[in-house]
Amino acid sequence: GRLYKAEIQVRGNEVVTYIDGQQLHRHECKSWQPKPLYYSVVKDAEDHYICKLVNATDKDRQVRILLPQGADCKEAVIEYMDGYLPDERNSYEDPQKVIPRMKNMAVSDGEIIYRSKAYSLGVIRFL
């Protein structure tokens, strides 16, 4: 077998690879920018709509959620986690630092306006 000399150079967002002094690849890694909001909606076994929202940015977002026409929902139960910085964690010293909370919102004409705080997670069950 033969030994090869492999070299990887990283300068800022650029990565360059070499084998035996010959450039093999050059790649510019783009900075990741989160989307304003990540979400999904499903219907559970009891025919309730469940909306999951993640705000991965440093800005609060107002979110208008419209249910399909004919959906008979009067209340939304919201489990959420907000008000924490992305690197905050629970510890033995502070096991309740990052915990989910719950609140209710009235649904009016099949819609709610939900404030998704910066760096937050919300699970909304429409009843």
N, C-alpha and C. Protein backbone atom coordinates (compact mmCIF):
# COMPACT_ATOMS: atom_id res chain seq x y z
N GLY A 1 0.80 -1.17 0.00
CA GLY A 1 0.00 0.00 0.00
C GLY A 1 0.86 1.26 0.00
N ARG A 2 0.25 2.33 -0.28
CA ARG A 2 0.90 3.62 -0.37
C ARG A 2 0.36 4.55 0.71
N LEU A 3 1.22 5.40 1.26
CA LEU A 3 0.79 6.42 2.21
C LEU A 3 0.50 7.70 1.45
N TYR A 4 -0.59 8.35 1.81
CA TYR A 4 -0.96 9.63 1.22
C TYR A 4 -0.87 10.71 2.29
N LYS A 5 -0.52 11.92 1.88
CA LYS A 5 -0.52 13.06 2.79
C LYS A 5 -1.81 13.83 2.54
N ALA A 6 -2.70 13.83 3.53
CA ALA A 6 -3.98 14.54 3.42
C ALA A 6 -3.90 15.80 4.24
N GLU A 7 -4.45 16.89 3.69
CA GLU A 7 -4.44 18.17 4.37
C GLU A 7 -5.81 18.81 4.21
N ILE A 8 -6.32 19.38 5.29
CA ILE A 8 -7.58 20.12 5.27
C ILE A 8 -7.29 21.51 5.80
N GLN A 9 -7.64 22.54 5.02
CA GLN A 9 -7.46 23.92 5.43
C GLN A 9 -8.84 24.56 5.59
N VAL A 10 -9.03 25.24 6.70
CA VAL A 10 -10.29 25.93 6.96
C VAL A 10 -9.97 27.40 7.20
N ARG A 11 -10.55 28.26 6.37
CA ARG A 11 -10.38 29.71 6.51
C ARG A 11 -11.77 30.34 6.46
N GLY A 12 -12.24 30.77 7.61
CA GLY A 12 -13.59 31.34 7.65
C GLY A 12 -14.61 30.29 7.25
N ASN A 13 -15.37 30.56 6.19
CA ASN A 13 -16.38 29.62 5.69
C ASN A 13 -15.86 28.71 4.59
N GLU A 14 -14.58 28.83 4.25
CA GLU A 14 -14.03 28.05 3.14
C GLU A 14 -13.23 26.85 3.65
N VAL A 15 -13.48 25.69 3.04
CA VAL A 15 -12.76 24.46 3.36
C VAL A 15 -12.09 23.97 2.07
N VAL A 16 -10.78 23.71 2.14
CA VAL A 16 -10.02 23.23 0.99
C VAL A 16 -9.30 21.95 1.42
N THR A 17 -9.41 20.91 0.59
CA THR A 17 -8.73 19.64 0.89
C THR A 17 -7.66 19.37 -0.15
N TYR A 18 -6.58 18.74 0.32
CA TYR A 18 -5.44 18.40 -0.55
C TYR A 18 -5.05 16.96 -0.30
N ILE A 19 -4.61 16.29 -1.35
CA ILE A 19 -3.97 14.98 -1.26
C ILE A 19 -2.61 15.11 -1.94
N ASP A 20 -1.56 14.79 -1.20
CA ASP A 20 -0.19 14.90 -1.71
C ASP A 20 0.08 16.26 -2.35
N GLY A 21 -0.42 17.31 -1.72
CA GLY A 21 -0.16 18.66 -2.19
C GLY A 21 -1.05 19.13 -3.33
N GLN A 22 -1.86 18.27 -3.89
CA GLN A 22 -2.75 18.63 -4.98
C GLN A 22 -4.15 18.92 -4.42
N GLN A 23 -4.68 20.09 -4.79
CA GLN A 23 -6.01 20.45 -4.32
C GLN A 23 -7.04 19.46 -4.86
N LEU A 24 -7.87 18.94 -3.97
CA LEU A 24 -8.90 17.99 -4.35
C LEU A 24 -10.28 18.65 -4.36
N HIS A 25 -10.61 19.40 -3.30
CA HIS A 25 -11.91 20.05 -3.19
C HIS A 25 -11.74 21.45 -2.60
N ARG A 26 -12.66 22.33 -2.98
CA ARG A 26 -12.79 23.65 -2.37
C ARG A 26 -14.30 23.86 -2.18
N HIS A 27 -14.69 24.20 -0.96
CA HIS A 27 -16.11 24.36 -0.67
C HIS A 27 -16.32 25.56 0.24
N GLU A 28 -17.32 26.38 -0.10
CA GLU A 28 -17.70 27.48 0.78
C GLU A 28 -18.94 27.07 1.55
N CYS A 29 -18.83 27.03 2.86
CA CYS A 29 -19.96 26.67 3.73
C CYS A 29 -20.76 27.92 4.01
N LYS A 30 -22.01 27.90 3.66
CA LYS A 30 -22.87 29.05 3.89
C LYS A 30 -23.33 29.07 5.34
N SER A 31 -23.46 30.27 5.87
CA SER A 31 -23.95 30.41 7.23
C SER A 31 -25.40 29.97 7.30
N TRP A 32 -25.74 29.28 8.37
CA TRP A 32 -27.12 28.83 8.54
C TRP A 32 -27.93 29.97 9.15
N GLN A 33 -29.04 30.26 8.52
CA GLN A 33 -29.97 31.26 9.04
C GLN A 33 -31.30 30.56 9.28
N PRO A 34 -31.80 30.61 10.51
CA PRO A 34 -33.07 29.93 10.76
C PRO A 34 -34.22 30.60 10.02
N LYS A 35 -35.21 29.81 9.66
CA LYS A 35 -36.44 30.36 9.09
C LYS A 35 -37.19 31.07 10.21
N PRO A 36 -38.08 31.99 9.84
CA PRO A 36 -38.81 32.71 10.89
C PRO A 36 -39.63 31.81 11.80
N LEU A 37 -40.14 30.70 11.25
CA LEU A 37 -40.99 29.83 12.05
C LEU A 37 -41.02 28.44 11.43
N TYR A 38 -40.94 27.42 12.26
CA TYR A 38 -41.11 26.03 11.83
C TYR A 38 -42.43 25.54 12.43
N TYR A 39 -43.21 24.79 11.68
CA TYR A 39 -44.52 24.38 12.19
C TYR A 39 -44.99 23.10 11.49
N SER A 40 -45.91 22.43 12.16
CA SER A 40 -46.64 21.30 11.55
C SER A 40 -48.01 21.23 12.22
N VAL A 41 -48.97 20.68 11.49
CA VAL A 41 -50.33 20.53 12.02
C VAL A 41 -50.79 19.11 11.72
N VAL A 42 -51.37 18.47 12.72
CA VAL A 42 -51.91 17.12 12.55
C VAL A 42 -53.28 17.07 13.23
N LYS A 43 -54.01 16.00 12.94
CA LYS A 43 -55.26 15.70 13.64
C LYS A 43 -55.02 14.45 14.47
N ASP A 44 -55.42 14.50 15.73
CA ASP A 44 -55.21 13.33 16.58
C ASP A 44 -56.37 12.34 16.45
N ALA A 45 -56.31 11.26 17.21
CA ALA A 45 -57.32 10.20 17.14
C ALA A 45 -58.70 10.70 17.56
N GLU A 46 -58.74 11.78 18.35
CA GLU A 46 -60.02 12.35 18.81
C GLU A 46 -60.50 13.46 17.90
N ASP A 47 -59.88 13.61 16.72
CA ASP A 47 -60.26 14.61 15.72
C ASP A 47 -59.95 16.05 16.14
N HIS A 48 -59.00 16.23 17.05
CA HIS A 48 -58.56 17.57 17.43
C HIS A 48 -57.36 17.97 16.58
N TYR A 49 -57.32 19.22 16.18
CA TYR A 49 -56.15 19.74 15.48
C TYR A 49 -55.06 20.06 16.50
N ILE A 50 -53.82 19.70 16.16
CA ILE A 50 -52.67 20.00 17.00
C ILE A 50 -51.65 20.71 16.13
N CYS A 51 -51.27 21.91 16.55
CA CYS A 51 -50.31 22.72 15.82
C CYS A 51 -49.04 22.83 16.67
N LYS A 52 -47.90 22.49 16.07
CA LYS A 52 -46.61 22.60 16.76
C LYS A 52 -45.80 23.71 16.10
N LEU A 53 -45.31 24.65 16.90
CA LEU A 53 -44.58 25.81 16.39
C LEU A 53 -43.23 25.93 17.09
N VAL A 54 -42.19 26.22 16.31
CA VAL A 54 -40.87 26.50 16.86
C VAL A 54 -40.38 27.82 16.27
N ASN A 55 -40.06 28.75 17.14
CA ASN A 55 -39.44 30.00 16.73
C ASN A 55 -37.96 29.90 17.11
N ALA A 56 -37.10 29.69 16.13
CA ALA A 56 -35.67 29.51 16.38
C ALA A 56 -34.89 30.81 16.22
N THR A 57 -35.60 31.93 16.14
CA THR A 57 -34.94 33.22 15.94
C THR A 57 -34.93 34.02 17.24
N ASP A 58 -34.26 35.16 17.20
CA ASP A 58 -34.17 36.02 18.37
C ASP A 58 -35.26 37.09 18.41
N LYS A 59 -36.30 36.92 17.57
CA LYS A 59 -37.40 37.89 17.51
C LYS A 59 -38.74 37.21 17.78
N ASP A 60 -39.61 37.91 18.51
CA ASP A 60 -40.97 37.41 18.72
C ASP A 60 -41.73 37.47 17.39
N ARG A 61 -42.69 36.56 17.21
CA ARG A 61 -43.51 36.51 15.99
C ARG A 61 -44.98 36.43 16.37
N GLN A 62 -45.81 37.22 15.68
CA GLN A 62 -47.26 37.09 15.80
C GLN A 62 -47.69 36.08 14.74
N VAL A 63 -48.41 35.06 15.14
CA VAL A 63 -48.82 34.00 14.23
C VAL A 63 -50.35 33.91 14.22
N ARG A 64 -50.92 34.05 13.05
CA ARG A 64 -52.37 33.90 12.89
C ARG A 64 -52.63 32.47 12.45
N ILE A 65 -53.37 31.73 13.25
CA ILE A 65 -53.67 30.33 12.94
C ILE A 65 -55.15 30.24 12.59
N LEU A 66 -55.43 29.82 11.37
CA LEU A 66 -56.80 29.65 10.88
C LEU A 66 -57.11 28.16 10.77
N LEU A 67 -58.19 27.75 11.37
CA LEU A 67 -58.63 26.37 11.25
C LEU A 67 -59.48 26.20 9.99
N PRO A 68 -59.57 24.99 9.47
CA PRO A 68 -60.40 24.78 8.28
C PRO A 68 -61.85 25.16 8.54
N GLN A 69 -62.50 25.59 7.49
CA GLN A 69 -63.90 25.98 7.59
C GLN A 69 -64.70 24.79 8.12
N GLY A 70 -65.57 25.05 9.06
CA GLY A 70 -66.39 24.00 9.64
C GLY A 70 -65.79 23.38 10.89
N ALA A 71 -64.55 23.68 11.21
CA ALA A 71 -63.94 23.15 12.44
C ALA A 71 -64.63 23.81 13.63
N ASP A 72 -65.13 22.99 14.53
CA ASP A 72 -65.91 23.49 15.66
C ASP A 72 -65.03 23.50 16.91
N CYS A 73 -64.19 24.50 17.01
CA CYS A 73 -63.28 24.62 18.15
C CYS A 73 -63.57 25.93 18.87
N LYS A 74 -63.67 25.86 20.17
CA LYS A 74 -63.95 27.05 20.97
C LYS A 74 -62.75 27.46 21.83
N GLU A 75 -61.83 26.50 22.05
CA GLU A 75 -60.74 26.75 22.97
C GLU A 75 -59.46 26.11 22.44
N ALA A 76 -58.33 26.75 22.76
CA ALA A 76 -57.02 26.19 22.44
C ALA A 76 -56.25 26.03 23.75
N VAL A 77 -55.70 24.86 23.97
CA VAL A 77 -54.84 24.60 25.12
C VAL A 77 -53.42 24.61 24.60
N ILE A 78 -52.59 25.46 25.18
CA ILE A 78 -51.24 25.67 24.68
C ILE A 78 -50.23 25.25 25.73
N GLU A 79 -49.37 24.31 25.36
CA GLU A 79 -48.20 23.96 26.16
C GLU A 79 -47.03 24.63 25.49
N TYR A 80 -46.22 25.36 26.24
CA TYR A 80 -45.17 26.14 25.62
C TYR A 80 -43.94 26.22 26.51
N MET A 81 -42.84 26.50 25.86
CA MET A 81 -41.58 26.78 26.55
C MET A 81 -41.01 28.03 25.91
N ASP A 82 -40.87 29.09 26.69
CA ASP A 82 -40.30 30.33 26.17
C ASP A 82 -39.64 31.09 27.30
N GLY A 83 -38.93 32.15 26.93
CA GLY A 83 -38.25 32.96 27.92
C GLY A 83 -36.89 32.43 28.32
N TYR A 84 -36.37 31.47 27.58
CA TYR A 84 -35.07 30.88 27.88
C TYR A 84 -34.11 31.19 26.74
N LEU A 85 -32.85 31.33 27.07
CA LEU A 85 -31.83 31.45 26.04
C LEU A 85 -31.52 30.06 25.49
N PRO A 86 -31.05 29.96 24.24
CA PRO A 86 -30.83 28.64 23.63
C PRO A 86 -29.87 27.73 24.41
N ASP A 87 -28.93 28.30 25.15
CA ASP A 87 -27.97 27.45 25.86
C ASP A 87 -28.35 27.17 27.32
N GLU A 88 -29.52 27.62 27.76
CA GLU A 88 -29.94 27.35 29.13
C GLU A 88 -30.39 25.90 29.28
N ARG A 89 -30.06 25.31 30.41
CA ARG A 89 -30.36 23.91 30.67
C ARG A 89 -30.79 23.75 32.13
N ASN A 90 -31.47 22.64 32.41
CA ASN A 90 -31.73 22.26 33.79
C ASN A 90 -30.45 21.67 34.36
N SER A 91 -30.34 21.73 35.67
CA SER A 91 -29.18 21.15 36.34
C SER A 91 -29.65 20.56 37.67
N TYR A 92 -28.75 19.87 38.35
CA TYR A 92 -29.10 19.34 39.67
C TYR A 92 -29.37 20.49 40.63
N GLU A 93 -28.65 21.59 40.46
CA GLU A 93 -28.83 22.75 41.32
C GLU A 93 -30.13 23.49 41.01
N ASP A 94 -30.55 23.47 39.75
CA ASP A 94 -31.75 24.20 39.32
C ASP A 94 -32.56 23.34 38.34
N PRO A 95 -33.22 22.29 38.85
CA PRO A 95 -33.92 21.35 37.95
C PRO A 95 -35.19 21.92 37.32
N GLN A 96 -35.65 23.07 37.77
CA GLN A 96 -36.87 23.69 37.23
C GLN A 96 -36.58 24.93 36.39
N LYS A 97 -35.33 25.11 35.97
CA LYS A 97 -34.96 26.30 35.21
C LYS A 97 -35.69 26.38 33.88
N VAL A 98 -35.75 25.26 33.16
CA VAL A 98 -36.40 25.22 31.85
C VAL A 98 -37.54 24.20 31.94
N ILE A 99 -38.76 24.69 32.02
CA ILE A 99 -39.91 23.79 32.16
C ILE A 99 -41.05 24.25 31.25
N PRO A 100 -41.88 23.32 30.81
CA PRO A 100 -43.04 23.71 30.02
C PRO A 100 -44.10 24.34 30.91
N ARG A 101 -44.87 25.22 30.29
CA ARG A 101 -46.00 25.86 30.97
C ARG A 101 -47.25 25.65 30.12
N MET A 102 -48.39 26.00 30.67
CA MET A 102 -49.65 25.78 29.96
C MET A 102 -50.55 27.00 30.12
N LYS A 103 -51.31 27.30 29.05
CA LYS A 103 -52.32 28.36 29.12
C LYS A 103 -53.42 28.02 28.13
N ASN A 104 -54.56 28.66 28.31
CA ASN A 104 -55.71 28.49 27.42
C ASN A 104 -55.96 29.78 26.66
N MET A 105 -56.48 29.64 25.44
CA MET A 105 -56.89 30.79 24.64
C MET A 105 -58.24 30.48 24.03
N ALA A 106 -59.07 31.51 23.91
CA ALA A 106 -60.35 31.34 23.22
C ALA A 106 -60.10 31.33 21.71
N VAL A 107 -60.86 30.50 21.01
CA VAL A 107 -60.81 30.46 19.55
C VAL A 107 -62.02 31.24 19.06
N SER A 108 -61.78 32.23 18.21
CA SER A 108 -62.85 33.07 17.72
C SER A 108 -62.96 32.92 16.20
N ASP A 109 -64.13 32.50 15.74
CA ASP A 109 -64.37 32.30 14.30
C ASP A 109 -63.30 31.44 13.66
N GLY A 110 -62.86 30.38 14.37
CA GLY A 110 -61.91 29.43 13.81
C GLY A 110 -60.48 29.93 13.73
N GLU A 111 -60.14 30.95 14.51
CA GLU A 111 -58.76 31.44 14.46
C GLU A 111 -58.28 31.95 15.81
N ILE A 112 -56.95 31.93 15.96
CA ILE A 112 -56.31 32.57 17.11
C ILE A 112 -55.10 33.35 16.60
N ILE A 113 -54.71 34.34 17.36
CA ILE A 113 -53.45 35.05 17.12
C ILE A 113 -52.54 34.64 18.28
N TYR A 114 -51.47 33.96 17.95
CA TYR A 114 -50.55 33.41 18.95
C TYR A 114 -49.23 34.16 18.87
N ARG A 115 -48.74 34.59 20.00
CA ARG A 115 -47.43 35.26 20.05
C ARG A 115 -46.37 34.21 20.34
N SER A 116 -45.56 33.92 19.34
CA SER A 116 -44.47 32.96 19.47
C SER A 116 -43.22 33.75 19.86
N LYS A 117 -42.83 33.63 21.11
CA LYS A 117 -41.69 34.40 21.60
C LYS A 117 -40.38 33.88 20.99
N ALA A 118 -39.35 34.69 21.06
CA ALA A 118 -38.03 34.31 20.56
C ALA A 118 -37.58 33.01 21.22
N TYR A 119 -36.95 32.15 20.44
CA TYR A 119 -36.41 30.87 20.93
C TYR A 119 -37.45 30.08 21.72
N SER A 120 -38.60 29.85 21.12
CA SER A 120 -39.69 29.19 21.86
C SER A 120 -40.23 27.98 21.11
N LEU A 121 -40.97 27.19 21.87
CA LEU A 121 -41.67 26.01 21.35
C LEU A 121 -43.09 26.08 21.86
N GLY A 122 -44.06 25.83 21.00
CA GLY A 122 -45.45 25.82 21.41
C GLY A 122 -46.19 24.66 20.77
N VAL A 123 -47.01 23.99 21.55
CA VAL A 123 -47.88 22.92 21.07
C VAL A 123 -49.31 23.33 21.40
N ILE A 124 -50.11 23.56 20.37
CA ILE A 124 -51.46 24.10 20.53
C ILE A 124 -52.46 23.02 20.16
N ARG A 125 -53.30 22.65 21.11
CA ARG A 125 -54.35 21.65 20.86
C ARG A 125 -55.69 22.39 20.82
N PHE A 126 -56.37 22.27 19.70
CA PHE A 126 -57.67 22.94 19.52
C PHE A 126 -58.78 22.01 19.95
N LEU A 127 -59.60 22.47 20.90
CA LEU A 127 -60.70 21.64 21.44
C LEU A 127 -62.04 22.20 21.05
